[in-house]
N, C-alpha and C. Protein backbone atom coordinates (compact mmCIF):
# COMPACT_ATOMS: atom_id res chain seq x y z
N MET A 1 66.78 -24.73 -1.83
CA MET A 1 65.99 -25.16 -0.77
C MET A 1 66.09 -26.59 -0.70
N ALA A 2 67.26 -27.29 -1.52
CA ALA A 2 67.55 -28.44 -1.22
C ALA A 2 68.29 -28.85 -0.05
N GLN A 3 68.88 -27.99 0.31
CA GLN A 3 69.99 -28.10 1.50
C GLN A 3 69.08 -27.88 2.83
N ASP A 4 68.95 -29.00 3.62
CA ASP A 4 67.73 -28.78 4.95
C ASP A 4 68.29 -27.89 5.72
N SER A 5 69.74 -27.88 6.13
CA SER A 5 70.12 -26.75 7.05
C SER A 5 69.87 -25.29 6.64
N GLU A 6 70.13 -24.98 5.36
CA GLU A 6 69.66 -23.78 4.91
C GLU A 6 68.32 -23.27 5.14
N VAL A 7 67.45 -24.28 4.90
CA VAL A 7 66.10 -24.08 4.83
C VAL A 7 65.47 -24.00 6.29
N LYS A 8 66.29 -24.57 7.11
CA LYS A 8 65.88 -24.60 8.65
C LYS A 8 66.31 -23.34 9.27
N SER A 9 67.33 -22.57 8.67
CA SER A 9 67.88 -21.31 9.17
C SER A 9 66.93 -20.23 8.44
N TRP A 10 66.60 -20.33 7.31
CA TRP A 10 65.55 -19.52 6.92
C TRP A 10 64.28 -19.39 7.50
N ALA A 11 63.82 -20.66 7.72
CA ALA A 11 62.49 -20.87 8.33
C ALA A 11 62.63 -20.10 9.67
N ASN A 12 63.80 -20.64 10.50
CA ASN A 12 63.63 -19.94 11.76
C ASN A 12 63.65 -18.46 11.88
N ARG A 13 64.27 -17.84 10.96
CA ARG A 13 64.52 -16.42 10.67
C ARG A 13 63.19 -16.01 10.59
N LEU A 14 62.38 -16.45 9.82
CA LEU A 14 61.12 -16.07 9.31
C LEU A 14 59.93 -16.16 10.69
N LEU A 15 60.19 -17.65 11.01
CA LEU A 15 59.14 -17.90 12.21
C LEU A 15 59.48 -16.75 13.32
N ASN A 16 60.47 -16.80 13.73
CA ASN A 16 60.88 -15.70 14.79
C ASN A 16 60.45 -14.48 14.58
N ALA A 17 60.60 -13.96 13.41
CA ALA A 17 60.27 -12.35 13.08
C ALA A 17 58.64 -12.37 12.89
N TYR A 18 58.18 -13.47 12.20
CA TYR A 18 56.57 -13.09 11.90
C TYR A 18 55.74 -13.94 12.44
N GLY A 19 56.23 -15.10 12.95
CA GLY A 19 55.25 -16.28 13.29
C GLY A 19 54.97 -17.36 12.14
N PRO A 20 54.19 -18.02 12.48
CA PRO A 20 53.84 -19.01 11.55
C PRO A 20 52.98 -18.40 10.43
N PRO A 21 53.06 -18.70 9.01
CA PRO A 21 52.22 -18.24 8.03
C PRO A 21 50.86 -18.79 8.17
N ASP A 22 50.06 -17.89 7.67
CA ASP A 22 48.65 -18.80 7.49
C ASP A 22 48.62 -19.35 6.04
N LEU A 23 49.44 -18.63 4.95
CA LEU A 23 49.40 -19.47 3.57
C LEU A 23 50.91 -19.74 3.28
N LEU A 24 51.24 -20.95 3.18
CA LEU A 24 52.59 -21.14 2.82
C LEU A 24 52.58 -21.71 1.37
N LEU A 25 53.30 -20.86 0.35
CA LEU A 25 53.16 -21.35 -0.87
C LEU A 25 54.62 -22.07 -1.18
N ASN A 26 54.64 -23.52 -1.58
CA ASN A 26 55.62 -24.14 -1.72
C ASN A 26 55.90 -24.09 -3.17
N ASN A 27 56.79 -23.62 -3.73
CA ASN A 27 57.08 -23.51 -5.05
C ASN A 27 58.41 -23.77 -5.52
N ALA A 28 59.11 -24.90 -5.20
CA ALA A 28 60.44 -25.34 -5.34
C ALA A 28 60.56 -26.09 -6.90
N ALA A 29 61.13 -25.66 -7.89
CA ALA A 29 61.33 -26.49 -9.13
C ALA A 29 62.26 -25.92 -10.07
N ILE A 30 62.97 -26.92 -10.50
CA ILE A 30 63.82 -26.74 -11.67
C ILE A 30 63.34 -27.82 -12.80
N ILE A 31 63.82 -27.65 -13.93
CA ILE A 31 63.69 -28.88 -14.99
C ILE A 31 64.95 -29.04 -15.54
N SER A 32 65.13 -30.42 -16.07
CA SER A 32 66.23 -30.70 -16.59
C SER A 32 65.98 -30.35 -18.09
N ARG A 33 66.97 -30.44 -19.05
CA ARG A 33 67.21 -29.98 -20.43
C ARG A 33 66.30 -31.20 -21.16
N ASN A 34 65.35 -30.54 -22.14
CA ASN A 34 64.56 -31.61 -22.70
C ASN A 34 65.37 -32.59 -23.36
N ALA A 35 65.19 -34.00 -22.83
CA ALA A 35 65.84 -35.05 -23.51
C ALA A 35 65.19 -36.38 -23.01
N PRO A 36 65.31 -37.49 -23.86
CA PRO A 36 64.72 -38.59 -23.42
C PRO A 36 65.39 -39.06 -22.13
N LEU A 37 64.62 -39.80 -21.19
CA LEU A 37 65.24 -40.11 -19.80
C LEU A 37 66.61 -40.61 -19.85
N TRP A 38 66.67 -41.65 -20.69
CA TRP A 38 68.06 -42.27 -20.57
C TRP A 38 69.34 -41.42 -21.16
N LYS A 39 68.86 -40.09 -21.47
CA LYS A 39 69.96 -39.21 -21.74
C LYS A 39 70.16 -37.94 -21.02
N VAL A 40 69.29 -38.13 -19.78
CA VAL A 40 69.63 -37.08 -18.59
C VAL A 40 70.69 -37.74 -17.73
N GLY A 41 71.57 -37.10 -17.51
CA GLY A 41 72.78 -37.62 -16.86
C GLY A 41 72.22 -37.83 -15.28
N PRO A 42 73.16 -38.41 -14.59
CA PRO A 42 72.83 -38.84 -12.80
C PRO A 42 72.54 -37.48 -12.09
N GLN A 43 73.67 -36.52 -12.41
CA GLN A 43 73.65 -35.29 -11.63
C GLN A 43 72.50 -34.46 -11.87
N GLU A 44 72.15 -34.17 -13.36
CA GLU A 44 70.98 -33.53 -13.57
C GLU A 44 69.82 -34.01 -12.92
N PHE A 45 69.77 -35.28 -13.26
CA PHE A 45 68.51 -35.77 -12.39
C PHE A 45 68.32 -35.58 -10.97
N SER A 46 69.27 -35.96 -10.56
CA SER A 46 69.72 -35.95 -9.05
C SER A 46 69.00 -34.27 -8.32
N ASP A 47 69.86 -33.38 -9.43
CA ASP A 47 69.46 -32.10 -8.88
C ASP A 47 67.91 -31.66 -9.21
N VAL A 48 67.25 -32.26 -10.11
CA VAL A 48 65.82 -32.13 -10.31
C VAL A 48 64.91 -32.80 -8.91
N ILE A 49 65.53 -33.62 -8.80
CA ILE A 49 64.67 -34.69 -7.63
C ILE A 49 65.13 -33.84 -6.42
N ASP A 50 66.20 -33.38 -6.04
CA ASP A 50 66.58 -32.93 -4.56
C ASP A 50 65.87 -31.46 -4.60
N ILE A 51 65.71 -30.66 -5.64
CA ILE A 51 65.08 -29.29 -5.39
C ILE A 51 63.71 -29.54 -5.52
N ASN A 52 62.96 -30.23 -6.42
CA ASN A 52 61.61 -30.41 -6.65
C ASN A 52 60.94 -31.07 -5.51
N ILE A 53 61.48 -32.22 -5.06
CA ILE A 53 60.85 -33.27 -4.07
C ILE A 53 61.46 -32.80 -2.64
N LYS A 54 62.69 -32.75 -2.56
CA LYS A 54 63.39 -32.47 -1.15
C LYS A 54 63.31 -31.23 -0.81
N GLY A 55 63.23 -30.44 -1.61
CA GLY A 55 63.01 -28.72 -1.35
C GLY A 55 61.69 -28.72 -0.81
N VAL A 56 60.76 -29.22 -1.28
CA VAL A 56 59.41 -29.02 -0.90
C VAL A 56 59.25 -29.84 0.62
N ALA A 57 59.68 -30.88 0.85
CA ALA A 57 59.81 -31.67 2.02
C ALA A 57 60.48 -30.70 3.13
N ASN A 58 61.44 -30.20 2.65
CA ASN A 58 62.15 -29.41 3.86
C ASN A 58 61.36 -28.04 4.08
N VAL A 59 60.89 -27.44 3.35
CA VAL A 59 60.05 -26.34 3.53
C VAL A 59 58.83 -26.94 4.61
N ILE A 60 58.12 -27.80 4.25
CA ILE A 60 57.25 -28.56 5.01
C ILE A 60 57.75 -28.94 6.46
N ARG A 61 58.88 -29.51 6.53
CA ARG A 61 59.51 -29.99 7.86
C ARG A 61 59.76 -28.87 8.76
N HIS A 62 60.12 -27.63 8.16
CA HIS A 62 60.56 -26.60 9.00
C HIS A 62 59.49 -25.40 9.37
N PHE A 63 58.42 -25.22 8.40
CA PHE A 63 57.17 -24.33 8.68
C PHE A 63 55.92 -25.19 9.28
N VAL A 64 55.65 -26.34 8.73
CA VAL A 64 54.48 -27.09 9.41
C VAL A 64 54.15 -27.23 10.73
N PRO A 65 55.42 -27.73 11.57
CA PRO A 65 55.08 -27.73 12.93
C PRO A 65 54.81 -26.55 13.59
N ALA A 66 54.96 -25.25 13.25
CA ALA A 66 54.64 -24.17 13.85
C ALA A 66 53.13 -23.65 13.50
N MET A 67 53.00 -23.91 12.24
CA MET A 67 51.48 -23.88 11.86
C MET A 67 50.61 -24.79 12.54
N ILE A 68 50.95 -26.09 12.92
CA ILE A 68 50.32 -27.00 13.64
C ILE A 68 50.15 -26.52 14.86
N ALA A 69 50.83 -26.02 15.53
CA ALA A 69 51.27 -25.47 16.99
C ALA A 69 50.13 -24.37 17.14
N ALA A 70 49.90 -23.42 16.06
CA ALA A 70 49.14 -22.45 15.96
C ALA A 70 47.70 -22.58 15.53
N ARG A 71 47.53 -24.18 15.14
CA ARG A 71 46.25 -24.65 14.46
C ARG A 71 45.72 -24.16 13.62
N ARG A 72 46.39 -23.55 12.65
CA ARG A 72 45.85 -22.81 11.47
C ARG A 72 46.91 -22.94 10.40
N GLY A 73 46.45 -22.62 9.06
CA GLY A 73 47.18 -22.42 8.08
C GLY A 73 47.06 -23.39 6.78
N VAL A 74 47.31 -23.04 5.67
CA VAL A 74 46.92 -23.82 4.67
C VAL A 74 48.39 -23.76 3.79
N ILE A 75 48.88 -25.17 3.29
CA ILE A 75 50.10 -25.31 2.63
C ILE A 75 49.72 -25.79 1.28
N VAL A 76 50.25 -24.75 0.48
CA VAL A 76 49.95 -24.96 -0.96
C VAL A 76 51.42 -25.28 -1.68
N ASN A 77 51.40 -26.60 -2.14
CA ASN A 77 52.22 -27.11 -2.90
C ASN A 77 52.22 -27.18 -4.37
N PHE A 78 53.07 -26.56 -4.87
CA PHE A 78 53.09 -26.40 -6.41
C PHE A 78 53.09 -27.31 -7.18
N SER A 79 52.37 -27.96 -7.85
CA SER A 79 52.55 -29.06 -8.71
C SER A 79 52.74 -28.62 -10.17
N SER A 80 51.79 -29.33 -11.14
CA SER A 80 52.10 -28.95 -12.45
C SER A 80 51.07 -29.57 -13.12
N GLY A 81 50.75 -29.29 -14.43
CA GLY A 81 49.77 -30.08 -15.10
C GLY A 81 50.63 -31.38 -15.57
N TRP A 82 51.85 -31.50 -15.41
CA TRP A 82 52.66 -32.34 -15.68
C TRP A 82 52.94 -33.26 -14.14
N GLY A 83 51.95 -32.83 -13.36
CA GLY A 83 52.11 -33.69 -12.19
C GLY A 83 50.80 -34.66 -12.26
N ARG A 84 50.21 -34.31 -13.42
CA ARG A 84 48.90 -35.06 -13.58
C ARG A 84 48.93 -35.75 -14.94
N SER A 85 49.73 -35.46 -15.89
CA SER A 85 49.87 -35.87 -17.07
C SER A 85 51.54 -36.13 -17.48
N THR A 86 51.81 -36.61 -18.83
CA THR A 86 52.96 -36.67 -18.87
C THR A 86 53.29 -36.07 -20.58
N ASP A 87 54.66 -35.91 -20.90
CA ASP A 87 55.12 -35.61 -22.08
C ASP A 87 56.34 -36.18 -22.39
N PRO A 88 56.81 -36.34 -23.59
CA PRO A 88 58.19 -36.87 -23.69
C PRO A 88 59.04 -35.85 -23.34
N GLU A 89 60.30 -36.20 -23.10
CA GLU A 89 61.44 -35.43 -22.70
C GLU A 89 61.71 -34.60 -21.53
N VAL A 90 60.58 -34.97 -20.76
CA VAL A 90 60.36 -34.23 -19.54
C VAL A 90 60.04 -34.83 -18.17
N ALA A 91 60.50 -36.32 -18.30
CA ALA A 91 60.29 -37.58 -17.33
C ALA A 91 60.65 -37.07 -16.04
N PRO A 92 62.14 -36.51 -15.93
CA PRO A 92 62.34 -36.02 -14.34
C PRO A 92 61.19 -35.17 -13.81
N TYR A 93 61.05 -34.00 -14.37
CA TYR A 93 60.26 -33.04 -14.01
C TYR A 93 58.86 -33.73 -14.00
N CYS A 94 58.22 -34.37 -14.75
CA CYS A 94 56.88 -35.25 -14.45
C CYS A 94 56.94 -35.92 -13.20
N ALA A 95 57.83 -36.60 -13.10
CA ALA A 95 58.09 -37.74 -11.89
C ALA A 95 58.15 -36.95 -10.37
N THR A 96 58.77 -35.47 -10.41
CA THR A 96 58.78 -35.00 -9.20
C THR A 96 57.40 -34.24 -8.83
N LYS A 97 56.72 -33.81 -10.00
CA LYS A 97 55.39 -33.14 -9.99
C LYS A 97 54.26 -34.15 -9.45
N TRP A 98 54.53 -35.44 -9.96
CA TRP A 98 53.48 -36.52 -9.63
C TRP A 98 53.96 -36.73 -8.21
N ALA A 99 55.20 -36.74 -7.65
CA ALA A 99 55.45 -37.06 -6.32
C ALA A 99 54.87 -35.84 -5.26
N ILE A 100 55.07 -34.52 -5.75
CA ILE A 100 54.07 -33.56 -5.17
C ILE A 100 52.64 -33.78 -5.03
N GLU A 101 51.96 -34.17 -5.81
CA GLU A 101 50.60 -34.55 -5.93
C GLU A 101 50.46 -35.53 -4.82
N GLY A 102 51.11 -36.58 -4.72
CA GLY A 102 51.11 -37.53 -3.69
C GLY A 102 51.67 -37.23 -2.21
N LEU A 103 52.61 -36.40 -2.10
CA LEU A 103 52.97 -35.92 -0.97
C LEU A 103 52.03 -34.90 -0.50
N SER A 104 51.41 -33.97 -1.16
CA SER A 104 50.49 -33.04 -0.63
C SER A 104 49.41 -33.90 -0.06
N ARG A 105 48.80 -35.00 -0.80
CA ARG A 105 47.46 -35.37 -0.46
C ARG A 105 47.86 -36.17 0.78
N SER A 106 49.01 -36.95 0.86
CA SER A 106 49.09 -37.67 2.03
C SER A 106 49.34 -36.78 3.14
N LEU A 107 50.00 -35.63 2.98
CA LEU A 107 50.11 -34.55 4.12
C LEU A 107 48.49 -34.13 4.53
N ALA A 108 47.85 -33.99 3.56
CA ALA A 108 46.43 -33.42 3.92
C ALA A 108 45.68 -34.53 5.01
N GLN A 109 46.03 -35.69 4.84
CA GLN A 109 45.70 -36.94 5.60
C GLN A 109 45.99 -36.77 7.25
N GLU A 110 47.21 -36.01 7.19
CA GLU A 110 47.99 -35.58 8.57
C GLU A 110 47.64 -34.38 9.25
N MET A 111 46.89 -33.44 8.31
CA MET A 111 46.68 -32.09 8.99
C MET A 111 45.46 -32.20 10.13
N PRO A 112 45.78 -31.28 11.30
CA PRO A 112 44.45 -31.23 12.02
C PRO A 112 43.23 -30.53 11.41
N PRO A 113 42.22 -30.70 12.13
CA PRO A 113 41.07 -29.95 11.74
C PRO A 113 41.52 -28.63 11.35
N GLY A 114 40.85 -27.71 10.42
CA GLY A 114 41.13 -26.42 10.56
C GLY A 114 42.21 -25.78 9.51
N MET A 115 43.17 -27.24 8.99
CA MET A 115 44.18 -26.95 8.22
C MET A 115 44.12 -27.45 7.04
N ALA A 116 44.95 -27.26 5.97
CA ALA A 116 44.95 -27.91 4.63
C ALA A 116 46.35 -28.16 4.20
N SER A 117 46.37 -29.02 3.36
CA SER A 117 47.50 -29.25 2.37
C SER A 117 46.89 -29.45 1.16
N ILE A 118 47.35 -28.77 -0.07
CA ILE A 118 46.84 -28.91 -1.51
C ILE A 118 47.70 -28.64 -2.49
N PRO A 119 47.84 -29.97 -3.34
CA PRO A 119 48.59 -29.94 -4.49
C PRO A 119 47.83 -28.98 -5.40
N PHE A 120 48.70 -28.18 -6.17
CA PHE A 120 48.17 -26.88 -6.85
C PHE A 120 48.74 -26.72 -8.12
N ASN A 121 48.06 -26.82 -9.56
CA ASN A 121 48.67 -26.88 -10.60
C ASN A 121 48.49 -25.26 -11.04
N PRO A 122 49.45 -24.61 -11.24
CA PRO A 122 49.37 -23.15 -11.44
C PRO A 122 48.86 -23.01 -13.00
N GLY A 123 48.98 -23.92 -13.76
CA GLY A 123 48.56 -23.76 -15.37
C GLY A 123 50.04 -23.40 -15.89
N LEU A 124 49.90 -23.04 -17.14
CA LEU A 124 51.11 -22.48 -18.00
C LEU A 124 51.16 -21.05 -17.87
N ILE A 125 52.45 -20.88 -17.47
CA ILE A 125 52.90 -19.55 -17.29
C ILE A 125 54.26 -19.24 -17.98
N ASN A 126 54.43 -17.99 -18.81
CA ASN A 126 55.42 -17.88 -19.60
C ASN A 126 56.66 -17.49 -18.78
N THR A 127 57.50 -18.57 -18.33
CA THR A 127 58.60 -18.40 -17.67
C THR A 127 59.65 -19.05 -18.43
N ALA A 128 61.01 -18.68 -18.12
CA ALA A 128 62.11 -19.51 -18.60
C ALA A 128 61.92 -20.79 -18.58
N MET A 129 61.30 -21.46 -17.73
CA MET A 129 61.38 -22.81 -17.83
C MET A 129 60.27 -23.28 -18.72
N LEU A 130 59.21 -22.70 -19.09
CA LEU A 130 58.31 -22.89 -20.04
C LEU A 130 58.99 -22.58 -21.57
N GLN A 131 59.64 -21.55 -21.48
CA GLN A 131 60.28 -21.24 -22.80
C GLN A 131 61.14 -22.55 -23.17
N SER A 132 61.97 -22.91 -22.16
CA SER A 132 62.90 -24.07 -22.36
C SER A 132 62.14 -25.23 -23.14
N CYS A 133 60.94 -25.31 -22.96
CA CYS A 133 60.10 -26.75 -22.98
C CYS A 133 59.23 -26.08 -24.61
N TYR A 134 58.72 -25.08 -24.57
CA TYR A 134 57.79 -24.59 -25.45
C TYR A 134 58.38 -23.76 -26.51
N GLY A 135 59.68 -23.16 -26.32
CA GLY A 135 60.21 -22.34 -27.22
C GLY A 135 59.44 -21.13 -27.42
N SER A 136 59.42 -20.63 -28.64
CA SER A 136 58.55 -19.41 -28.74
C SER A 136 57.06 -19.33 -28.69
N SER A 137 56.40 -20.52 -28.46
CA SER A 137 55.15 -20.89 -28.12
C SER A 137 54.70 -20.29 -26.88
N ALA A 138 55.76 -20.25 -25.96
CA ALA A 138 55.49 -19.96 -24.60
C ALA A 138 54.85 -18.42 -24.84
N SER A 139 55.26 -17.56 -25.71
CA SER A 139 54.58 -16.40 -25.64
C SER A 139 53.01 -16.29 -25.62
N ALA A 140 52.53 -17.43 -25.81
CA ALA A 140 50.94 -17.39 -25.87
C ALA A 140 50.45 -17.31 -24.48
N TYR A 141 51.14 -17.60 -23.45
CA TYR A 141 50.73 -17.72 -22.20
C TYR A 141 51.14 -16.37 -21.40
N HIS A 142 50.41 -16.15 -20.20
CA HIS A 142 50.65 -14.97 -19.35
C HIS A 142 52.08 -15.00 -18.66
N PHE A 143 52.70 -13.85 -18.70
CA PHE A 143 53.72 -13.82 -17.68
C PHE A 143 53.31 -13.78 -16.30
N PRO A 144 54.41 -14.10 -15.45
CA PRO A 144 54.16 -14.18 -14.19
C PRO A 144 53.23 -12.89 -13.28
N ASP A 145 53.66 -12.02 -13.74
CA ASP A 145 52.85 -10.74 -13.04
C ASP A 145 51.61 -10.77 -13.50
N GLU A 146 51.30 -11.03 -14.71
CA GLU A 146 50.01 -11.10 -15.15
C GLU A 146 49.18 -12.33 -14.66
N TRP A 147 49.79 -13.30 -14.43
CA TRP A 147 49.20 -14.73 -13.85
C TRP A 147 48.79 -14.38 -12.36
N ALA A 148 49.78 -13.66 -11.67
CA ALA A 148 49.52 -13.41 -10.27
C ALA A 148 48.13 -12.64 -10.05
N LYS A 149 47.75 -11.60 -11.02
CA LYS A 149 46.71 -11.00 -10.47
C LYS A 149 45.42 -11.89 -10.24
N THR A 150 45.41 -12.69 -11.23
CA THR A 150 44.20 -13.89 -10.98
C THR A 150 44.58 -14.86 -9.96
N ALA A 151 45.71 -15.51 -10.03
CA ALA A 151 46.12 -16.47 -9.00
C ALA A 151 46.13 -15.98 -7.50
N VAL A 152 46.54 -14.80 -7.24
CA VAL A 152 46.77 -14.58 -5.75
C VAL A 152 45.62 -14.29 -4.93
N PRO A 153 44.48 -13.71 -5.78
CA PRO A 153 43.23 -13.79 -4.92
C PRO A 153 42.66 -15.22 -4.86
N PHE A 154 42.88 -15.88 -5.93
CA PHE A 154 42.08 -17.25 -6.04
C PHE A 154 43.03 -18.01 -4.79
N LEU A 155 44.42 -18.19 -4.43
CA LEU A 155 45.00 -18.48 -3.42
C LEU A 155 44.55 -18.28 -2.08
N LEU A 156 44.39 -16.92 -2.02
CA LEU A 156 44.05 -16.56 -0.65
C LEU A 156 42.69 -16.87 -0.27
N LYS A 157 41.85 -17.42 -1.01
CA LYS A 157 40.64 -17.90 -0.47
C LYS A 157 40.64 -19.43 -0.28
N LEU A 158 41.51 -20.28 -0.47
CA LEU A 158 41.65 -21.52 -0.16
C LEU A 158 41.69 -21.83 1.30
N GLY A 159 40.99 -22.68 1.74
CA GLY A 159 41.15 -23.33 3.05
C GLY A 159 40.77 -24.67 3.33
N PRO A 160 40.46 -24.92 4.53
CA PRO A 160 40.38 -26.45 4.93
C PRO A 160 39.22 -27.10 4.10
N ALA A 161 38.35 -26.37 3.72
CA ALA A 161 37.37 -27.32 2.52
C ALA A 161 38.20 -27.89 1.36
N GLU A 162 39.27 -27.29 1.04
CA GLU A 162 40.12 -27.82 -0.24
C GLU A 162 41.28 -28.72 0.34
N ASN A 163 41.31 -29.09 1.48
CA ASN A 163 42.35 -29.99 2.24
C ASN A 163 42.38 -31.35 1.11
N GLY A 164 43.48 -31.66 0.61
CA GLY A 164 43.86 -32.73 -0.08
C GLY A 164 43.21 -32.93 -1.46
N LYS A 165 42.46 -31.76 -1.79
CA LYS A 165 41.99 -31.63 -3.25
C LYS A 165 43.13 -31.24 -4.37
N PRO A 166 43.13 -31.96 -5.33
CA PRO A 166 43.96 -31.29 -6.60
C PRO A 166 43.18 -30.03 -7.06
N ILE A 167 43.83 -29.06 -6.98
CA ILE A 167 43.27 -27.73 -7.33
C ILE A 167 44.22 -27.06 -8.60
N SER A 168 43.52 -26.55 -9.40
CA SER A 168 44.16 -25.91 -10.66
C SER A 168 43.96 -24.59 -10.59
N ALA A 169 44.69 -23.38 -11.04
CA ALA A 169 44.50 -22.01 -11.09
C ALA A 169 43.30 -21.87 -12.25
N PRO A 170 42.82 -20.57 -11.66
CA PRO A 170 41.49 -20.26 -12.81
C PRO A 170 42.22 -19.77 -13.77
N GLU A 171 41.81 -19.91 -15.18
CA GLU A 171 42.15 -19.63 -16.17
C GLU A 171 41.58 -18.04 -16.71
């Protein structure tokens, strides 16, 4: 999602086939290896920035104008608990998720009435990314398919009343 031209092509295909989405879930993210910031190489750092921030911006750039033209829709940009707090050895990821919080809240101020932009903390989900940080402790958390059973109905209920509000998934 970091390549704007690829996102543009993908968005055009979807918009032409289905029209603007009512709910845009924007969940672009990778994490660098666990290390102090000064040990994260420049390319690894750039990759995290490019995907986690630029990827989200690219999706917004190519879907939101059609949503605005239709005067409806909710944009949910996936953040993280680490977009509202910090831990050692994950500084690049934390920085990008803090950026998503600010980007989402600023975008919310630009939305016309009836639309919303929401920074969303999905909580802890047992994924390869969580396992890279938590090791075997990740097994204490839901796998994505289990998480989705609660999260999807919750996400489908979000609307203009939540515009700009940092939201967390129900536990």
